[in-house]
ModelCIF file with pLDDT and N, C-alpha, C, O atoms, coordinates in Angstrom:
data_MODEL
#
_entry.id   MODEL 
#
_entity.id                         1 
_entity.type                       polymer 
_entity.pdbx_number_of_molecules   1 
#
_entity_poly.entity_id                      1 
_entity_poly.type                           'polypeptide(L)' 
_entity_poly.nstd_linkage                   no 
_entity_poly.nstd_monomer                   no 
_entity_poly.pdbx_seq_one_letter_code       
;(UNK)(UNK)(UNK)(UNK)(UNK)(UNK)(UNK)(UNK)(UNK)(UNK)(UNK)(UNK)(UNK)(UNK)(UNK)(UNK)
(UNK)(UNK)(UNK)(UNK)(UNK)(UNK)(UNK)(UNK)(UNK)(UNK)(UNK)(UNK)(UNK)(UNK)(UNK)(UNK)
(UNK)(UNK)(UNK)(UNK)(UNK)(UNK)(UNK)(UNK)
;
_entity_poly.pdbx_seq_one_letter_code_can   XXXXXXXXXXXXXXXXXXXXXXXXXXXXXXXXXXXXXXXX 
_entity_poly.pdbx_strand_id                 A 
#
loop_
_entity_poly_seq.entity_id 
_entity_poly_seq.num 
_entity_poly_seq.mon_id 
_entity_poly_seq.hetero 
1 1  UNK n 
1 2  UNK n 
1 3  UNK n 
1 4  UNK n 
1 5  UNK n 
1 6  UNK n 
1 7  UNK n 
1 8  UNK n 
1 9  UNK n 
1 10 UNK n 
1 11 UNK n 
1 12 UNK n 
1 13 UNK n 
1 14 UNK n 
1 15 UNK n 
1 16 UNK n 
1 17 UNK n 
1 18 UNK n 
1 19 UNK n 
1 20 UNK n 
1 21 UNK n 
1 22 UNK n 
1 23 UNK n 
1 24 UNK n 
1 25 UNK n 
1 26 UNK n 
1 27 UNK n 
1 28 UNK n 
1 29 UNK n 
1 30 UNK n 
1 31 UNK n 
1 32 UNK n 
1 33 UNK n 
1 34 UNK n 
1 35 UNK n 
1 36 UNK n 
1 37 UNK n 
1 38 UNK n 
1 39 UNK n 
1 40 UNK n 
#
_struct_asym.id          A 
_struct_asym.entity_id   1 
#
loop_
_ma_qa_metric.id 
_ma_qa_metric.mode 
_ma_qa_metric.name 
_ma_qa_metric.software_group_id 
_ma_qa_metric.type 
1 global pLDDT . pLDDT 
2 local  pLDDT . pLDDT 
#
_ma_qa_metric_global.metric_id      1 
_ma_qa_metric_global.metric_value   89.90 
_ma_qa_metric_global.model_id       1 
_ma_qa_metric_global.ordinal_id     1 
#
loop_
_ma_qa_metric_local.label_asym_id 
_ma_qa_metric_local.label_comp_id 
_ma_qa_metric_local.label_seq_id 
_ma_qa_metric_local.metric_id 
_ma_qa_metric_local.metric_value 
_ma_qa_metric_local.model_id 
_ma_qa_metric_local.ordinal_id 
A UNK 1  2 39.00 1 1  
A UNK 2  2 51.00 1 2  
A UNK 3  2 54.00 1 3  
A UNK 4  2 75.00 1 4  
A UNK 5  2 83.00 1 5  
A UNK 6  2 84.00 1 6  
A UNK 7  2 88.00 1 7  
A UNK 8  2 91.00 1 8  
A UNK 9  2 90.00 1 9  
A UNK 10 2 91.00 1 10 
A UNK 11 2 94.00 1 11 
A UNK 12 2 94.00 1 12 
A UNK 13 2 92.00 1 13 
A UNK 14 2 94.00 1 14 
A UNK 15 2 96.00 1 15 
A UNK 16 2 95.00 1 16 
A UNK 17 2 95.00 1 17 
A UNK 18 2 96.00 1 18 
A UNK 19 2 96.00 1 19 
A UNK 20 2 95.00 1 20 
A UNK 21 2 96.00 1 21 
A UNK 22 2 96.00 1 22 
A UNK 23 2 95.00 1 23 
A UNK 24 2 94.00 1 24 
A UNK 25 2 95.00 1 25 
A UNK 26 2 94.00 1 26 
A UNK 27 2 95.00 1 27 
A UNK 28 2 96.00 1 28 
A UNK 29 2 96.00 1 29 
A UNK 30 2 96.00 1 30 
A UNK 31 2 97.00 1 31 
A UNK 32 2 96.00 1 32 
A UNK 33 2 97.00 1 33 
A UNK 34 2 96.00 1 34 
A UNK 35 2 96.00 1 35 
A UNK 36 2 95.00 1 36 
A UNK 37 2 95.00 1 37 
A UNK 38 2 93.00 1 38 
A UNK 39 2 92.00 1 39 
A UNK 40 2 93.00 1 40 
#
loop_
_atom_site.group_PDB 
_atom_site.id 
_atom_site.type_symbol 
_atom_site.label_atom_id 
_atom_site.label_alt_id 
_atom_site.label_comp_id 
_atom_site.label_asym_id 
_atom_site.label_entity_id 
_atom_site.label_seq_id 
_atom_site.pdbx_PDB_ins_code 
_atom_site.Cartn_x 
_atom_site.Cartn_y 
_atom_site.Cartn_z 
_atom_site.occupancy 
_atom_site.B_iso_or_equiv 
_atom_site.pdbx_formal_charge 
_atom_site.auth_seq_id 
_atom_site.auth_comp_id 
_atom_site.auth_asym_id 
_atom_site.auth_atom_id 
_atom_site.pdbx_PDB_model_num 
ATOM 1   N N  . UNK A 1 1  ? 104.754 132.864 88.848  1.00 39.00 ? 1  UNK A N  1 
ATOM 2   C CA . UNK A 1 1  ? 103.476 133.478 89.113  1.00 39.00 ? 1  UNK A CA 1 
ATOM 3   C C  . UNK A 1 1  ? 102.354 132.498 88.815  1.00 39.00 ? 1  UNK A C  1 
ATOM 4   O O  . UNK A 1 1  ? 102.330 131.872 87.755  1.00 39.00 ? 1  UNK A O  1 
ATOM 5   N N  . UNK A 1 2  ? 101.432 132.370 89.744  1.00 51.00 ? 2  UNK A N  1 
ATOM 6   C CA . UNK A 1 2  ? 100.304 131.474 89.584  1.00 51.00 ? 2  UNK A CA 1 
ATOM 7   C C  . UNK A 1 2  ? 99.107  132.279 89.100  1.00 51.00 ? 2  UNK A C  1 
ATOM 8   O O  . UNK A 1 2  ? 98.750  133.295 89.696  1.00 51.00 ? 2  UNK A O  1 
ATOM 9   N N  . UNK A 1 3  ? 98.497  131.825 88.026  1.00 54.00 ? 3  UNK A N  1 
ATOM 10  C CA . UNK A 1 3  ? 97.298  132.478 87.525  1.00 54.00 ? 3  UNK A CA 1 
ATOM 11  C C  . UNK A 1 3  ? 96.091  131.939 88.276  1.00 54.00 ? 3  UNK A C  1 
ATOM 12  O O  . UNK A 1 3  ? 96.038  130.759 88.622  1.00 54.00 ? 3  UNK A O  1 
ATOM 13  N N  . UNK A 1 4  ? 95.134  132.804 88.523  1.00 75.00 ? 4  UNK A N  1 
ATOM 14  C CA . UNK A 1 4  ? 93.920  132.387 89.208  1.00 75.00 ? 4  UNK A CA 1 
ATOM 15  C C  . UNK A 1 4  ? 92.776  132.343 88.208  1.00 75.00 ? 4  UNK A C  1 
ATOM 16  O O  . UNK A 1 4  ? 92.475  133.332 87.541  1.00 75.00 ? 4  UNK A O  1 
ATOM 17  N N  . UNK A 1 5  ? 92.159  131.206 88.119  1.00 83.00 ? 5  UNK A N  1 
ATOM 18  C CA . UNK A 1 5  ? 90.953  131.031 87.324  1.00 83.00 ? 5  UNK A CA 1 
ATOM 19  C C  . UNK A 1 5  ? 89.919  130.366 88.220  1.00 83.00 ? 5  UNK A C  1 
ATOM 20  O O  . UNK A 1 5  ? 90.208  129.339 88.835  1.00 83.00 ? 5  UNK A O  1 
ATOM 21  N N  . UNK A 1 6  ? 88.735  130.923 88.304  1.00 84.00 ? 6  UNK A N  1 
ATOM 22  C CA . UNK A 1 6  ? 87.705  130.273 89.102  1.00 84.00 ? 6  UNK A CA 1 
ATOM 23  C C  . UNK A 1 6  ? 87.257  128.974 88.423  1.00 84.00 ? 6  UNK A C  1 
ATOM 24  O O  . UNK A 1 6  ? 87.206  128.891 87.196  1.00 84.00 ? 6  UNK A O  1 
ATOM 25  N N  . UNK A 1 7  ? 86.944  127.996 89.212  1.00 88.00 ? 7  UNK A N  1 
ATOM 26  C CA . UNK A 1 7  ? 86.390  126.745 88.713  1.00 88.00 ? 7  UNK A CA 1 
ATOM 27  C C  . UNK A 1 7  ? 85.504  126.175 89.807  1.00 88.00 ? 7  UNK A C  1 
ATOM 28  O O  . UNK A 1 7  ? 85.557  126.635 90.948  1.00 88.00 ? 7  UNK A O  1 
ATOM 29  N N  . UNK A 1 8  ? 84.704  125.197 89.480  1.00 91.00 ? 8  UNK A N  1 
ATOM 30  C CA . UNK A 1 8  ? 83.689  124.696 90.389  1.00 91.00 ? 8  UNK A CA 1 
ATOM 31  C C  . UNK A 1 8  ? 84.239  123.627 91.332  1.00 91.00 ? 8  UNK A C  1 
ATOM 32  O O  . UNK A 1 8  ? 83.951  122.441 91.170  1.00 91.00 ? 8  UNK A O  1 
ATOM 33  N N  . UNK A 1 9  ? 85.015  124.044 92.296  1.00 90.00 ? 9  UNK A N  1 
ATOM 34  C CA . UNK A 1 9  ? 85.567  123.110 93.285  1.00 90.00 ? 9  UNK A CA 1 
ATOM 35  C C  . UNK A 1 9  ? 84.435  122.502 94.121  1.00 90.00 ? 9  UNK A C  1 
ATOM 36  O O  . UNK A 1 9  ? 84.576  121.396 94.642  1.00 90.00 ? 9  UNK A O  1 
ATOM 37  N N  . UNK A 1 10 ? 83.324  123.215 94.249  1.00 91.00 ? 10 UNK A N  1 
ATOM 38  C CA . UNK A 1 10 ? 82.178  122.695 95.010  1.00 91.00 ? 10 UNK A CA 1 
ATOM 39  C C  . UNK A 1 10 ? 81.624  121.422 94.363  1.00 91.00 ? 10 UNK A C  1 
ATOM 40  O O  . UNK A 1 10 ? 81.285  120.471 95.067  1.00 91.00 ? 10 UNK A O  1 
ATOM 41  N N  . UNK A 1 11 ? 81.529  121.397 93.041  1.00 94.00 ? 11 UNK A N  1 
ATOM 42  C CA . UNK A 1 11 ? 81.045  120.195 92.352  1.00 94.00 ? 11 UNK A CA 1 
ATOM 43  C C  . UNK A 1 11 ? 81.986  119.020 92.606  1.00 94.00 ? 11 UNK A C  1 
ATOM 44  O O  . UNK A 1 11 ? 81.538  117.900 92.851  1.00 94.00 ? 11 UNK A O  1 
ATOM 45  N N  . UNK A 1 12 ? 83.281  119.279 92.549  1.00 94.00 ? 12 UNK A N  1 
ATOM 46  C CA . UNK A 1 12 ? 84.264  118.225 92.797  1.00 94.00 ? 12 UNK A CA 1 
ATOM 47  C C  . UNK A 1 12 ? 84.171  117.739 94.243  1.00 94.00 ? 12 UNK A C  1 
ATOM 48  O O  . UNK A 1 12 ? 84.183  116.534 94.495  1.00 94.00 ? 12 UNK A O  1 
ATOM 49  N N  . UNK A 1 13 ? 84.081  118.662 95.182  1.00 92.00 ? 13 UNK A N  1 
ATOM 50  C CA . UNK A 1 13 ? 83.999  118.290 96.594  1.00 92.00 ? 13 UNK A CA 1 
ATOM 51  C C  . UNK A 1 13 ? 82.734  117.496 96.892  1.00 92.00 ? 13 UNK A C  1 
ATOM 52  O O  . UNK A 1 13 ? 82.769  116.538 97.663  1.00 92.00 ? 13 UNK A O  1 
ATOM 53  N N  . UNK A 1 14 ? 81.627  117.887 96.290  1.00 94.00 ? 14 UNK A N  1 
ATOM 54  C CA . UNK A 1 14 ? 80.369  117.154 96.488  1.00 94.00 ? 14 UNK A CA 1 
ATOM 55  C C  . UNK A 1 14 ? 80.515  115.718 96.001  1.00 94.00 ? 14 UNK A C  1 
ATOM 56  O O  . UNK A 1 14 ? 80.069  114.781 96.663  1.00 94.00 ? 14 UNK A O  1 
ATOM 57  N N  . UNK A 1 15 ? 81.140  115.552 94.842  1.00 96.00 ? 15 UNK A N  1 
ATOM 58  C CA . UNK A 1 15 ? 81.354  114.208 94.315  1.00 96.00 ? 15 UNK A CA 1 
ATOM 59  C C  . UNK A 1 15 ? 82.308  113.415 95.224  1.00 96.00 ? 15 UNK A C  1 
ATOM 60  O O  . UNK A 1 15 ? 82.055  112.246 95.516  1.00 96.00 ? 15 UNK A O  1 
ATOM 61  N N  . UNK A 1 16 ? 83.401  114.050 95.670  1.00 95.00 ? 16 UNK A N  1 
ATOM 62  C CA . UNK A 1 16 ? 84.336  113.367 96.567  1.00 95.00 ? 16 UNK A CA 1 
ATOM 63  C C  . UNK A 1 16 ? 83.627  112.922 97.848  1.00 95.00 ? 16 UNK A C  1 
ATOM 64  O O  . UNK A 1 16 ? 83.832  111.806 98.324  1.00 95.00 ? 16 UNK A O  1 
ATOM 65  N N  . UNK A 1 17 ? 82.794  113.804 98.400  1.00 95.00 ? 17 UNK A N  1 
ATOM 66  C CA . UNK A 1 17 ? 82.046  113.469 99.618  1.00 95.00 ? 17 UNK A CA 1 
ATOM 67  C C  . UNK A 1 17 ? 81.096  112.303 99.374  1.00 95.00 ? 17 UNK A C  1 
ATOM 68  O O  . UNK A 1 17 ? 80.910  111.462 100.253 1.00 95.00 ? 17 UNK A O  1 
ATOM 69  N N  . UNK A 1 18 ? 80.493  112.244 98.189  1.00 96.00 ? 18 UNK A N  1 
ATOM 70  C CA . UNK A 1 18 ? 79.594  111.124 97.889  1.00 96.00 ? 18 UNK A CA 1 
ATOM 71  C C  . UNK A 1 18 ? 80.372  109.812 97.772  1.00 96.00 ? 18 UNK A C  1 
ATOM 72  O O  . UNK A 1 18 ? 79.879  108.760 98.178  1.00 96.00 ? 18 UNK A O  1 
ATOM 73  N N  . UNK A 1 19 ? 81.569  109.869 97.225  1.00 96.00 ? 19 UNK A N  1 
ATOM 74  C CA . UNK A 1 19 ? 82.415  108.670 97.151  1.00 96.00 ? 19 UNK A CA 1 
ATOM 75  C C  . UNK A 1 19 ? 82.796  108.200 98.555  1.00 96.00 ? 19 UNK A C  1 
ATOM 76  O O  . UNK A 1 19 ? 82.786  107.004 98.845  1.00 96.00 ? 19 UNK A O  1 
ATOM 77  N N  . UNK A 1 20 ? 83.127  109.149 99.411  1.00 95.00 ? 20 UNK A N  1 
ATOM 78  C CA . UNK A 1 20 ? 83.488  108.818 100.794 1.00 95.00 ? 20 UNK A CA 1 
ATOM 79  C C  . UNK A 1 20 ? 82.269  108.271 101.542 1.00 95.00 ? 20 UNK A C  1 
ATOM 80  O O  . UNK A 1 20 ? 82.383  107.304 102.296 1.00 95.00 ? 20 UNK A O  1 
ATOM 81  N N  . UNK A 1 21 ? 81.110  108.889 101.333 1.00 96.00 ? 21 UNK A N  1 
ATOM 82  C CA . UNK A 1 21 ? 79.876  108.423 101.980 1.00 96.00 ? 21 UNK A CA 1 
ATOM 83  C C  . UNK A 1 21 ? 79.482  107.026 101.508 1.00 96.00 ? 21 UNK A C  1 
ATOM 84  O O  . UNK A 1 21 ? 78.841  106.278 102.246 1.00 96.00 ? 21 UNK A O  1 
ATOM 85  N N  . UNK A 1 22 ? 79.862  106.676 100.286 1.00 96.00 ? 22 UNK A N  1 
ATOM 86  C CA . UNK A 1 22 ? 79.559  105.354 99.738  1.00 96.00 ? 22 UNK A CA 1 
ATOM 87  C C  . UNK A 1 22 ? 80.514  104.286 100.261 1.00 96.00 ? 22 UNK A C  1 
ATOM 88  O O  . UNK A 1 22 ? 80.403  103.116 99.895  1.00 96.00 ? 22 UNK A O  1 
ATOM 89  N N  . UNK A 1 23 ? 81.456  104.690 101.121 1.00 95.00 ? 23 UNK A N  1 
ATOM 90  C CA . UNK A 1 23 ? 82.328  103.705 101.755 1.00 95.00 ? 23 UNK A CA 1 
ATOM 91  C C  . UNK A 1 23 ? 83.797  103.777 101.385 1.00 95.00 ? 23 UNK A C  1 
ATOM 92  O O  . UNK A 1 23 ? 84.611  103.056 101.962 1.00 95.00 ? 23 UNK A O  1 
ATOM 93  N N  . UNK A 1 24 ? 84.152  104.627 100.441 1.00 94.00 ? 24 UNK A N  1 
ATOM 94  C CA . UNK A 1 24 ? 85.573  104.769 100.105 1.00 94.00 ? 24 UNK A CA 1 
ATOM 95  C C  . UNK A 1 24 ? 86.259  105.584 101.186 1.00 94.00 ? 24 UNK A C  1 
ATOM 96  O O  . UNK A 1 24 ? 85.776  106.650 101.567 1.00 94.00 ? 24 UNK A O  1 
ATOM 97  N N  . UNK A 1 25 ? 87.352  105.100 101.667 1.00 95.00 ? 25 UNK A N  1 
ATOM 98  C CA . UNK A 1 25 ? 88.187  105.874 102.587 1.00 95.00 ? 25 UNK A CA 1 
ATOM 99  C C  . UNK A 1 25 ? 88.996  106.872 101.755 1.00 95.00 ? 25 UNK A C  1 
ATOM 100 O O  . UNK A 1 25 ? 89.342  106.602 100.605 1.00 95.00 ? 25 UNK A O  1 
ATOM 101 N N  . UNK A 1 26 ? 89.289  108.019 102.349 1.00 94.00 ? 26 UNK A N  1 
ATOM 102 C CA . UNK A 1 26 ? 90.025  109.044 101.601 1.00 94.00 ? 26 UNK A CA 1 
ATOM 103 C C  . UNK A 1 26 ? 91.360  108.533 101.066 1.00 94.00 ? 26 UNK A C  1 
ATOM 104 O O  . UNK A 1 26 ? 91.697  108.841 99.923  1.00 94.00 ? 26 UNK A O  1 
ATOM 105 N N  . UNK A 1 27 ? 92.146  107.756 101.843 1.00 95.00 ? 27 UNK A N  1 
ATOM 106 C CA . UNK A 1 27 ? 93.404  107.233 101.274 1.00 95.00 ? 27 UNK A CA 1 
ATOM 107 C C  . UNK A 1 27 ? 93.173  106.306 100.076 1.00 95.00 ? 27 UNK A C  1 
ATOM 108 O O  . UNK A 1 27 ? 93.943  106.329 99.116  1.00 95.00 ? 27 UNK A O  1 
ATOM 109 N N  . UNK A 1 28 ? 92.119  105.497 100.133 1.00 96.00 ? 28 UNK A N  1 
ATOM 110 C CA . UNK A 1 28 ? 91.796  104.596 99.017  1.00 96.00 ? 28 UNK A CA 1 
ATOM 111 C C  . UNK A 1 28 ? 91.388  105.395 97.779  1.00 96.00 ? 28 UNK A C  1 
ATOM 112 O O  . UNK A 1 28 ? 91.787  105.078 96.658  1.00 96.00 ? 28 UNK A O  1 
ATOM 113 N N  . UNK A 1 29 ? 90.595  106.424 98.003  1.00 96.00 ? 29 UNK A N  1 
ATOM 114 C CA . UNK A 1 29 ? 90.149  107.264 96.905  1.00 96.00 ? 29 UNK A CA 1 
ATOM 115 C C  . UNK A 1 29 ? 91.337  107.991 96.272  1.00 96.00 ? 29 UNK A C  1 
ATOM 116 O O  . UNK A 1 29 ? 91.439  108.091 95.049  1.00 96.00 ? 29 UNK A O  1 
ATOM 117 N N  . UNK A 1 30 ? 92.220  108.490 97.114  1.00 96.00 ? 30 UNK A N  1 
ATOM 118 C CA . UNK A 1 30 ? 93.425  109.168 96.616  1.00 96.00 ? 30 UNK A CA 1 
ATOM 119 C C  . UNK A 1 30 ? 94.258  108.214 95.762  1.00 96.00 ? 30 UNK A C  1 
ATOM 120 O O  . UNK A 1 30 ? 94.766  108.593 94.706  1.00 96.00 ? 30 UNK A O  1 
ATOM 121 N N  . UNK A 1 31 ? 94.391  106.990 96.223  1.00 97.00 ? 31 UNK A N  1 
ATOM 122 C CA . UNK A 1 31 ? 95.166  105.997 95.475  1.00 97.00 ? 31 UNK A CA 1 
ATOM 123 C C  . UNK A 1 31 ? 94.480  105.656 94.147  1.00 97.00 ? 31 UNK A C  1 
ATOM 124 O O  . UNK A 1 31 ? 95.134  105.581 93.107  1.00 97.00 ? 31 UNK A O  1 
ATOM 125 N N  . UNK A 1 32 ? 93.180  105.455 94.190  1.00 96.00 ? 32 UNK A N  1 
ATOM 126 C CA . UNK A 1 32 ? 92.441  105.123 92.973  1.00 96.00 ? 32 UNK A CA 1 
ATOM 127 C C  . UNK A 1 32 ? 92.508  106.256 91.949  1.00 96.00 ? 32 UNK A C  1 
ATOM 128 O O  . UNK A 1 32 ? 92.596  106.015 90.745  1.00 96.00 ? 32 UNK A O  1 
ATOM 129 N N  . UNK A 1 33 ? 92.466  107.482 92.441  1.00 97.00 ? 33 UNK A N  1 
ATOM 130 C CA . UNK A 1 33 ? 92.548  108.646 91.559  1.00 97.00 ? 33 UNK A CA 1 
ATOM 131 C C  . UNK A 1 33 ? 93.979  108.971 91.146  1.00 97.00 ? 33 UNK A C  1 
ATOM 132 O O  . UNK A 1 33 ? 94.203  109.713 90.189  1.00 97.00 ? 33 UNK A O  1 
ATOM 133 N N  . UNK A 1 34 ? 94.941  108.415 91.868  1.00 96.00 ? 34 UNK A N  1 
ATOM 134 C CA . UNK A 1 34 ? 96.360  108.719 91.671  1.00 96.00 ? 34 UNK A CA 1 
ATOM 135 C C  . UNK A 1 34 ? 96.621  110.209 91.910  1.00 96.00 ? 34 UNK A C  1 
ATOM 136 O O  . UNK A 1 34 ? 97.373  110.862 91.187  1.00 96.00 ? 34 UNK A O  1 
ATOM 137 N N  . UNK A 1 35 ? 95.964  110.714 92.960  1.00 96.00 ? 35 UNK A N  1 
ATOM 138 C CA . UNK A 1 35 ? 96.109  112.105 93.381  1.00 96.00 ? 35 UNK A CA 1 
ATOM 139 C C  . UNK A 1 35 ? 96.449  112.080 94.862  1.00 96.00 ? 35 UNK A C  1 
ATOM 140 O O  . UNK A 1 35 ? 95.767  111.394 95.624  1.00 96.00 ? 35 UNK A O  1 
ATOM 141 N N  . UNK A 1 36 ? 97.475  112.797 95.301  1.00 95.00 ? 36 UNK A N  1 
ATOM 142 C CA . UNK A 1 36 ? 97.850  112.777 96.714  1.00 95.00 ? 36 UNK A CA 1 
ATOM 143 C C  . UNK A 1 36 ? 96.671  113.131 97.633  1.00 95.00 ? 36 UNK A C  1 
ATOM 144 O O  . UNK A 1 36 ? 95.858  114.001 97.320  1.00 95.00 ? 36 UNK A O  1 
ATOM 145 N N  . UNK A 1 37 ? 96.604  112.445 98.754  1.00 95.00 ? 37 UNK A N  1 
ATOM 146 C CA . UNK A 1 37 ? 95.506  112.649 99.698  1.00 95.00 ? 37 UNK A CA 1 
ATOM 147 C C  . UNK A 1 37 ? 95.409  114.095 100.180 1.00 95.00 ? 37 UNK A C  1 
ATOM 148 O O  . UNK A 1 37 ? 94.307  114.597 100.399 1.00 95.00 ? 37 UNK A O  1 
ATOM 149 N N  . UNK A 1 38 ? 96.549  114.773 100.349 1.00 93.00 ? 38 UNK A N  1 
ATOM 150 C CA . UNK A 1 38 ? 96.492  116.157 100.828 1.00 93.00 ? 38 UNK A CA 1 
ATOM 151 C C  . UNK A 1 38 ? 95.805  117.081 99.811  1.00 93.00 ? 38 UNK A C  1 
ATOM 152 O O  . UNK A 1 38 ? 95.232  118.104 100.187 1.00 93.00 ? 38 UNK A O  1 
ATOM 153 N N  . UNK A 1 39 ? 95.865  116.720 98.537  1.00 92.00 ? 39 UNK A N  1 
ATOM 154 C CA . UNK A 1 39 ? 95.168  117.500 97.507  1.00 92.00 ? 39 UNK A CA 1 
ATOM 155 C C  . UNK A 1 39 ? 93.658  117.295 97.641  1.00 92.00 ? 39 UNK A C  1 
ATOM 156 O O  . UNK A 1 39 ? 92.887  118.250 97.545  1.00 92.00 ? 39 UNK A O  1 
ATOM 157 N N  . UNK A 1 40 ? 93.241  116.047 97.864  1.00 93.00 ? 40 UNK A N  1 
ATOM 158 C CA . UNK A 1 40 ? 91.807  115.786 98.070  1.00 93.00 ? 40 UNK A CA 1 
ATOM 159 C C  . UNK A 1 40 ? 91.308  116.571 99.276  1.00 93.00 ? 40 UNK A C  1 
ATOM 160 O O  . UNK A 1 40 ? 90.129  116.491 99.620  1.00 93.00 ? 40 UNK A O  1 
#
């Protein structure tokens, strides 16, 4: 069973978008974060 807790995914997405806008490609960002690209 997965528990649901709200969290601020919008803040994370805004930051991810700013990293991408600054020139990071999503695969590069995923690698740097060590988080699979599909999660991003």
